[in-house]
Amino acid sequence: MTTQKPMQKLLEAKLHKDDEIALNLLKTAYHIAKRELPKDEMRHMVDYASLLGVELSKSNCNVQYTSSQSVSEFQAALAEVILDDKIKAIQQSEVYSVTLDESTDNGNLKRVIMYAQCVTEHGLEYCLLSNKQISEGSASAKNIVSMVVEELKSKGLDITKLVGLGTDGASVMTGRKGGVVKLLKEHSPTLIGVHCAAHRTALATSQAAKLVPHMESYSRSIASVFRYFHNSALRSNRLRTIQTLLNLPSIKFAEVHSVRWLSLDHAVQVMYRSYPALCMALEREAIYEPSAKGLLQEVSLYKFIAFTHLMMDILPFMTRLSKKFQAQTVDFSVVKPMITSTCESLQDLLEAPGLFVEKLSKFVVEEDGKYVYKRPLSESDCKSVNSAIMENIEFDGFSNESDDEGDDENVGYSPVLHYYTQQENIIETVAPMYIQKLTDNLRDRFDETEILETMKVLIPKNIVQSDCLSKYGLQEIETLADHFHIHLQNKEVRSEYQTYKRLVKGSYSDSDLIEVMCLLMKTNDLPNLIMLLKCCSVIPMTSVQCERGFSTQNRIKSKARTSIKCKTLDDLMRISEDGPDIKDFDFQCALKKWKSCKVRKLYSS
């Protein structure tokens, strides 16, 4: 007995030291994945730790755990811990939604990415379910549905509790006869398909421009300027020299990109800030380049700079709206108010011109029978422009008083504007047409289905503002209860809704829907109403998480790492996106999973 105890203590000490080494290796692998670094970094990190006096290997053990396979095993265990926690949260949520999208990775492989959204005590949360490769056939609706059903089953998630599906609005997703949403409803009858709000905003903006010929022509001119300088380093160098000469910032003209939401806004801002330098550069280039001469004729028209000022007033409203919809989680209660507010703000620009349109009349002056564009240097300063944009957004109308611009030095070059007399009233002609098309497109694209429109009766703000609290929303709550009946416990929804309304008006009048839901979940006094709130809240209003997922995918599976396996890519994306801070991670749980996979030489030596 006396011999056994010291031996036991020695064995425990050895195991403890081995575990300590394994934990440090797991932490190193986690750090590498969180930073989206290649697995080769493991060897360098272990060597660096050794220089610092931290041993991550045993002197009597030949296995260093720095090979690609070893690092993959560490990261697989880490990713499994994260996934287990996320799946548990989804199951506890009782209902959940999925956002999905398809894309092509850097290895020219077709992929479908899936995220789940659920309700936790902290509110709405997203997590990565999988990023599957379509190995056979095309990304047809049937193939995508088959993958979704198989994935949910493999994760232990009940497909009948899937109440929402967010997509980018492509026909393969939303087709009425054979789209993904339609086919998935055969598995989950309460499923509601939603076209991403951020996609709808971008489509409304681009379509409105196409419907107004002047604005479509303006967009083409912006794109032509970008291509002219982007395709030649020599031209770009000359432009930078002129920008420096005029004391303007050295900025590049931006591309109007078809797959980047509202990239036109950034392109217009750059155009506004560097317009004098553009005109001077093209004027010099036009002497020996016909393409520069043609481009100079386009940008020196009065209507070009007039539309630039007009778009500086309009596009920031659309960008702000798009950014709101690009938040990681957006609940249905905020969508309609944001659309209404944006449309009203745009209509206000017709009654009270925006700040940049007002500035236009001050900057265009007549000199020696010519109309020139003369403005202060501050109009090219980033902070000054952003400040003016925020003033535009936050205030209604502007005073006619001077902005004390006389103290600001003017740009050393004033472009001559052509056809000013003929185009003097171009803004008054085009602005009402463009703004009307834009607001009409927004309202049409956000004209929600009946069931989504019905959900408004759950929003605290609407309840507080109702004329007759006792009668408000009774018909709509019956419609919701009927649609989601398989998720409810009994028929007491109406009485619980009456209690909910009084509770909201009495105690939670200033809270949003998610806050009220989380508070009610702690008491569970209104189980059916809580379930309705969950069903409505988890419906994804955007699919931007998928877009972010593809960005993560392309950073990890870069052109230099196209041979990365699907399982490894999934693990790395999960750690990068869903993994907590390293100090909050449960490495003991990951250690158990890593040890349970097979006999480790670390413990047998």
Foldseek 3Di string as FASTA:
>chain_A
DVVVVVVVVVLVVLVVVLVVLVLVLLLLLLVCLQVLHDLQVSVVVQVVCVVVVHHNADPPFPDNLSDPVSSLLSLLLQLVVLLVVVLVQQVVQQAKAKEKDWDAFLLRFIWMWIKIWGQDLVFIDIATQAIDTPPDDDPALVSVLVVVVVSCVVSVHQLQRHQAYEYQPDCCQDPPPHHNQNVSCVRHVNHDYAHALLSLLQVLQVVLQVVFVVSVVLLVLLQLLQCVCVVDVVLLVQLQVLCVVQVFDSDHQDHPDPPDRLSVLVNLLQCQLSVQSLLVSLVVVVVPDVSSVVSNVVCQAPVNVLVSLQCLLQSVLSVVLSVQSLPPADALQVNVVSLVLSLVLLVLCLVAPAPSNLVQVVQFDDDPNFTWGKAFNCSNPPVSSVVSNVCSSPDRHDDPDDPPRVVGHIGPGIRTHPPCVVCVCVCVVVSVSSSVSSSVSSCVSPVDDPLSVLCNQLWLQCLLPDPDNLPPSQVSQVVLCVSPVVSADDDCSNVLVSVSSCCSNPPNNPPTLRVSLSVCVVVCPRVRVNSSSRSRGNHGNRSSVVVVLSVSLCSSCDSVNVVDDRSSSGSSSSSNPSNDDSVPRDSVSSSVVSCVVDPDSSSVD
